[in-house]
Amino acid sequence: MKTNVLYCGDAAEIMARLPAESIDLIIADPPYNLGKKYGNNRDLRTWEEYEAFTRNWLSEAKRILKPTGSLYVFMGFRFIARLYTLLEDEFGLFFNGWITWHYTQGMGRKNGFSPRHEDILYFTKSENFIFNLDAVRVPQKYYRERNNMIGANPGDVWQFSHVHYCSAERTLHPTQKPEALMERMILASSNPAGVVLDPFVGSGTTCKVARVLNRQWMGIDLNPDYIQMSQERIETATPELDSYDPRMMRTPRDLPNPPKDLDDLERDRERLESLSKEQGILFNG
């Protein structure tokens, strides 16, 4: 199976060509059926058509996932409840989390609360799956002897800023996701050299981050312009990300031996950098 490649075409049709149980991690951000325009196509179907479309690509996704594999699916509020029941009841996958991605800016509303989150369903192929908690820990808020001071579990509410429209990293894709969001899923649910697939690759964020993290990657999209955009981003990928979890910047309170001078701070920085390299984490301290 060829990896580190982008395919232009229908997601289900191209996944059907891949060997069974060949993919470690699938991160899918399919169209939400809200009428959004994606260049050469528009996301507008009847709900019956949309459900059939979802079943088709999910059927192939389950087939090609390894027994230890994981599936993350972004979804809008209109279909996420139905998607959950499809994944658990119809496809027999194992539920492992309902993640809320919280962002701090977006469109405002005058007659209701402004939306500030998206949902991600996290399922696994079996009960024996890859999960690298140490690779995604965030600094503890407080020092406590009972706490794991390597860091805390990041939980299921993740704050990452949108890639702002005035940002140099922003592309023309309408639903570009922040790189650090993809980084957390890739670090947690795959190992170095593992194979990561994005069947709706869009602007190429998943594949770009997978390459930086030394994973093999594959991407699929209907729009040839998005394939070209993704290829360019992947080829120019650098370790610096366009976003971060603000908790990564904090220092635990009540440390028994807080750093007293610059030498202590430098030693701590070197220790964290060494630990980050061991765990495959991008350290920007």
Protein backbone atom coordinates (compact mmCIF):
# COMPACT_ATOMS: atom_id res chain seq x y z
CA MET A 1 0.00 0.00 0.00
CA LYS A 2 1.36 3.38 -1.00
CA THR A 3 1.45 6.00 1.74
CA ASN A 4 2.36 9.70 1.96
CA VAL A 5 0.00 10.33 -0.92
CA LEU A 6 -3.10 12.38 -1.78
CA TYR A 7 -6.01 11.06 -3.85
CA CYS A 8 -8.59 13.11 -5.70
CA GLY A 9 -11.97 11.44 -5.75
CA ASP A 10 -14.85 10.07 -3.71
CA ALA A 11 -13.82 9.05 -0.21
CA ALA A 12 -15.72 5.75 -0.08
CA GLU A 13 -14.60 4.69 -3.57
CA ILE A 14 -10.93 5.34 -2.87
CA MET A 15 -11.04 3.74 0.61
CA ALA A 16 -12.55 0.64 -1.06
CA ARG A 17 -9.21 0.17 -2.87
CA LEU A 18 -7.21 0.06 0.36
CA PRO A 19 -6.34 -3.24 2.08
CA ALA A 20 -8.43 -4.33 5.05
CA GLU A 21 -6.99 -3.51 8.50
CA SER A 22 -4.23 -1.30 7.07
CA ILE A 23 -4.87 2.09 8.79
CA ASP A 24 -3.99 3.03 12.37
CA LEU A 25 -5.96 6.25 12.66
CA ILE A 26 -8.72 7.95 10.68
CA ILE A 27 -9.51 11.62 11.33
CA ALA A 28 -12.59 12.60 9.35
CA ASP A 29 -14.09 16.06 8.95
CA PRO A 30 -16.89 15.35 6.47
CA PRO A 31 -19.28 17.99 5.15
CA TYR A 32 -22.07 18.65 7.66
CA ASN A 33 -24.86 18.93 5.05
CA LEU A 34 -25.41 22.61 5.77
CA GLY A 35 -25.26 23.88 2.19
CA LYS A 36 -21.65 25.08 2.39
CA LYS A 37 -19.82 25.50 -0.92
CA TYR A 38 -16.59 23.54 -1.42
CA GLY A 39 -15.39 24.86 -4.75
CA ASN A 40 -16.47 22.20 -7.25
CA ASN A 41 -19.34 20.86 -5.11
CA ARG A 42 -21.94 21.99 -2.61
CA ASP A 43 -22.80 20.28 0.65
CA LEU A 44 -26.56 20.01 0.15
CA ARG A 45 -28.42 16.68 0.12
CA THR A 46 -31.66 15.37 1.51
CA TRP A 47 -31.10 13.87 4.96
CA GLU A 48 -31.79 10.41 3.53
CA GLU A 49 -29.07 10.96 0.92
CA TYR A 50 -26.70 12.31 3.54
CA GLU A 51 -27.24 9.29 5.79
CA ALA A 52 -26.55 6.94 2.86
CA PHE A 53 -23.37 8.91 2.04
CA THR A 54 -22.28 8.62 5.69
CA ARG A 55 -22.96 4.88 5.80
CA ASN A 56 -20.90 4.32 2.65
CA TRP A 57 -17.72 5.96 3.91
CA LEU A 58 -18.10 4.65 7.46
CA SER A 59 -18.42 1.09 6.14
CA GLU A 60 -15.07 1.43 4.40
CA ALA A 61 -13.52 3.21 7.36
CA LYS A 62 -14.35 0.31 9.67
CA ARG A 63 -13.03 -2.23 7.16
CA ILE A 64 -9.64 -0.57 6.71
CA LEU A 65 -9.00 0.27 10.39
CA LYS A 66 -6.58 -2.03 12.18
CA PRO A 67 -7.98 -3.86 15.23
CA THR A 68 -6.06 -1.36 17.40
CA GLY A 69 -7.21 1.60 15.29
CA SER A 70 -9.21 4.71 16.18
CA LEU A 71 -11.70 6.93 14.38
CA TYR A 72 -12.35 10.60 15.15
CA VAL A 73 -15.27 12.26 13.34
CA PHE A 74 -16.11 15.97 13.39
CA MET A 75 -19.83 16.62 13.06
CA GLY A 76 -22.38 19.41 13.31
CA PHE A 77 -25.27 19.41 15.76
CA ARG A 78 -27.97 18.48 13.21
CA PHE A 79 -26.58 14.98 12.58
CA ILE A 80 -24.27 14.13 15.46
CA ALA A 81 -26.85 12.18 17.49
CA ARG A 82 -27.66 10.02 14.47
CA LEU A 83 -23.95 9.58 13.73
CA TYR A 84 -23.40 8.33 17.27
CA THR A 85 -26.05 5.64 16.93
CA LEU A 86 -24.70 4.59 13.52
CA LEU A 87 -21.18 4.18 14.87
CA GLU A 88 -22.19 2.29 18.01
CA ASP A 89 -25.29 0.32 17.04
CA GLU A 90 -24.94 -0.29 13.31
CA PHE A 91 -21.16 -0.50 12.88
CA GLY A 92 -20.36 -1.97 16.30
CA LEU A 93 -17.50 0.39 17.08
CA PHE A 94 -16.50 1.16 20.66
CA PHE A 95 -17.30 4.59 22.05
CA ASN A 96 -14.35 6.25 23.78
CA GLY A 97 -15.21 9.93 23.95
CA TRP A 98 -17.37 12.88 22.91
CA ILE A 99 -14.88 15.71 22.55
CA THR A 100 -15.88 19.36 22.55
CA TRP A 101 -13.58 21.68 20.63
CA HIS A 102 -14.10 25.14 22.12
CA TYR A 103 -12.94 28.22 20.21
CA THR A 104 -13.01 31.81 21.36
CA GLN A 105 -14.09 33.68 18.26
CA GLY A 106 -16.66 33.18 15.55
CA MET A 107 -19.90 34.53 14.14
CA GLY A 108 -22.08 36.49 16.57
CA ARG A 109 -25.84 36.15 17.07
CA LYS A 110 -28.34 38.79 18.25
CA ASN A 111 -31.22 36.46 19.07
CA GLY A 112 -29.51 33.55 20.78
CA PHE A 113 -26.14 32.41 22.09
CA SER A 114 -23.26 32.58 19.64
CA PRO A 115 -21.86 29.14 18.72
CA ARG A 116 -18.40 28.57 20.13
CA HIS A 117 -17.78 24.85 19.82
CA GLU A 118 -17.76 21.85 17.52
CA ASP A 119 -18.10 18.19 18.46
CA ILE A 120 -15.81 15.26 17.70
CA LEU A 121 -16.88 11.64 18.22
CA TYR A 122 -14.06 9.28 19.17
CA PHE A 123 -14.56 5.54 18.56
CA THR A 124 -12.18 2.59 18.40
CA LYS A 125 -12.25 -0.63 16.36
CA SER A 126 -11.88 -2.80 19.47
CA GLU A 127 -11.32 -2.54 23.19
CA ASN A 128 -7.57 -2.99 22.60
CA PHE A 129 -6.49 0.28 21.02
CA ILE A 130 -3.56 2.71 20.88
CA PHE A 131 -3.75 5.56 23.37
CA ASN A 132 -0.59 7.47 24.33
CA LEU A 133 -1.71 9.56 27.29
CA ASP A 134 1.79 10.73 28.23
CA ALA A 135 2.20 12.26 24.78
CA VAL A 136 -0.75 14.60 25.23
CA ARG A 137 -0.65 15.57 28.91
CA VAL A 138 -0.99 19.24 29.84
CA PRO A 139 0.78 20.90 32.81
CA GLN A 140 -0.98 20.37 36.14
CA LYS A 141 -2.72 23.42 37.59
CA TYR A 142 -1.47 22.68 41.12
CA TYR A 143 1.36 20.68 42.61
CA ARG A 144 0.04 17.75 44.64
CA GLU A 145 1.92 14.62 45.67
CA ARG A 146 -0.90 12.46 44.30
CA ASN A 147 -0.82 14.21 40.92
CA ASN A 148 1.20 12.94 38.00
CA MET A 149 3.49 15.94 37.62
CA ILE A 150 4.43 14.94 34.08
CA GLY A 151 1.04 16.44 33.34
CA ALA A 152 -2.72 15.99 33.47
CA ASN A 153 -5.09 14.27 31.09
CA PRO A 154 -6.34 17.08 28.80
CA GLY A 155 -9.95 16.01 29.27
CA ASP A 156 -12.64 16.12 26.61
CA VAL A 157 -13.08 19.90 26.31
CA TRP A 158 -10.26 21.28 24.15
CA GLN A 159 -9.64 24.98 23.58
CA PHE A 160 -7.88 25.84 20.35
CA SER A 161 -8.33 29.08 18.48
CA HIS A 162 -9.65 29.08 14.94
CA VAL A 163 -7.11 29.85 12.23
CA HIS A 164 -8.14 33.48 11.86
CA TYR A 165 -8.95 34.81 8.41
CA CYS A 166 -6.18 37.40 8.67
CA SER A 167 -3.59 34.79 9.73
CA ALA A 168 -0.74 33.99 7.37
CA GLU A 169 -1.54 30.28 7.82
CA ARG A 170 -5.16 30.68 6.69
CA THR A 171 -6.04 28.99 3.40
CA LEU A 172 -9.06 29.44 1.11
CA HIS A 173 -10.71 26.30 2.48
CA PRO A 174 -13.92 27.25 4.36
CA THR A 175 -13.53 24.82 7.29
CA GLN A 176 -9.79 24.78 8.00
CA LYS A 177 -9.01 23.22 11.39
CA PRO A 178 -6.17 24.30 13.72
CA GLU A 179 -3.02 22.20 13.58
CA ALA A 180 -2.70 21.64 17.33
CA LEU A 181 -6.17 20.08 17.36
CA MET A 182 -4.98 17.44 14.89
CA GLU A 183 -1.68 17.08 16.72
CA ARG A 184 -3.42 15.93 19.92
CA MET A 185 -5.44 13.23 18.15
CA ILE A 186 -2.44 11.99 16.15
CA LEU A 187 -0.13 11.85 19.17
CA ALA A 188 -2.73 10.12 21.32
CA SER A 189 -4.01 7.53 18.84
CA SER A 190 -1.05 6.56 16.67
CA ASN A 191 2.62 5.71 17.03
CA PRO A 192 5.57 6.98 14.97
CA ALA A 193 5.49 5.40 11.48
CA GLY A 194 1.80 4.57 11.92
CA VAL A 195 -0.61 5.30 9.06
CA VAL A 196 -3.01 8.25 9.41
CA LEU A 197 -5.83 8.75 6.90
CA ASP A 198 -7.99 11.84 6.36
CA PRO A 199 -10.80 10.94 3.91
CA PHE A 200 -11.94 14.58 3.60
CA VAL A 201 -8.54 16.21 3.61
CA GLY A 202 -9.64 19.76 2.72
CA SER A 203 -6.73 22.12 3.35
CA GLY A 204 -4.37 19.27 4.29
CA THR A 205 -3.96 20.02 8.00
CA THR A 206 -4.14 16.39 9.16
CA CYS A 207 -1.56 15.19 6.66
CA LYS A 208 0.73 18.15 7.29
CA VAL A 209 0.78 17.50 11.04
CA ALA A 210 1.13 13.73 10.53
CA ARG A 211 4.24 14.33 8.45
CA VAL A 212 5.75 16.62 11.10
CA LEU A 213 5.08 13.93 13.74
CA ASN A 214 6.78 11.22 11.67
CA ARG A 215 3.63 9.34 10.76
CA GLN A 216 2.75 7.98 7.35
CA TRP A 217 -0.21 9.82 5.89
CA MET A 218 -2.92 9.59 3.25
CA GLY A 219 -5.55 12.13 2.21
CA ILE A 220 -8.61 12.13 -0.05
CA ASP A 221 -10.71 14.98 -1.45
CA LEU A 222 -13.18 15.54 -4.28
CA ASN A 223 -11.75 18.94 -5.17
CA PRO A 224 -8.47 18.97 -7.16
CA ASP A 225 -7.77 22.51 -5.95
CA TYR A 226 -7.81 21.30 -2.35
CA ILE A 227 -5.50 18.42 -3.26
CA GLN A 228 -3.01 20.90 -4.71
CA MET A 229 -3.38 23.17 -1.67
CA SER A 230 -2.78 20.23 0.66
CA GLN A 231 0.28 19.08 -1.27
CA GLU A 232 1.84 22.53 -1.06
CA ARG A 233 1.22 22.74 2.70
CA ILE A 234 2.64 19.27 3.30
CA GLU A 235 5.78 19.98 1.26
CA THR A 236 6.48 23.17 3.23
CA ALA A 237 5.54 21.77 6.66
CA THR A 238 7.54 23.02 9.66
CA PRO A 239 7.35 22.01 13.35
CA GLU A 240 5.75 25.32 14.36
CA LEU A 241 1.98 25.00 14.72
CA ASP A 242 -0.65 27.65 13.99
CA SER A 243 -2.36 27.15 17.37
CA TYR A 244 -1.84 25.77 20.89
CA ASP A 245 -3.72 24.79 24.03
CA PRO A 246 -3.33 27.77 26.42
CA ARG A 247 -2.85 25.32 29.30
CA MET A 248 0.51 24.33 27.83
CA MET A 249 1.87 27.72 28.94
CA ARG A 250 1.03 27.37 32.64
CA THR A 251 3.32 26.48 35.55
CA PRO A 252 1.81 24.42 38.38
CA ARG A 253 1.05 26.43 41.51
CA ASP A 254 2.42 25.49 44.94
CA LEU A 255 5.60 23.91 43.58
CA PRO A 256 7.75 22.88 46.56
CA ASN A 257 10.96 24.03 44.85
CA PRO A 258 10.04 26.70 42.30
CA PRO A 259 12.83 27.85 39.98
CA LYS A 260 14.79 30.67 41.60
CA ASP A 261 17.03 31.86 38.81
CA LEU A 262 17.64 31.65 35.10
CA ASP A 263 19.89 28.60 35.47
CA ASP A 264 17.06 26.68 37.14
CA LEU A 265 14.64 27.76 34.43
CA GLU A 266 17.05 26.65 31.73
CA ARG A 267 17.49 23.25 33.38
CA ASP A 268 13.72 22.84 33.54
CA ARG A 269 13.41 23.85 29.90
CA GLU A 270 16.06 21.30 28.88
CA ARG A 271 14.34 18.59 30.93
CA LEU A 272 10.97 19.31 29.30
CA GLU A 273 12.53 19.42 25.85
CA SER A 274 14.20 16.05 26.43
CA LEU A 275 10.96 14.53 27.68
CA SER A 276 9.09 15.98 24.71
CA LYS A 277 11.52 14.40 22.25
CA GLU A 278 11.12 11.02 23.92
CA GLN A 279 7.35 11.27 23.56
CA GLY A 280 7.34 12.75 20.06
CA ILE A 281 5.84 16.05 21.22
CA LEU A 282 6.59 19.39 19.57
CA PHE A 283 8.13 21.53 22.34
CA ASN A 284 7.97 25.30 21.86
CA GLY A 285 9.17 26.40 25.31
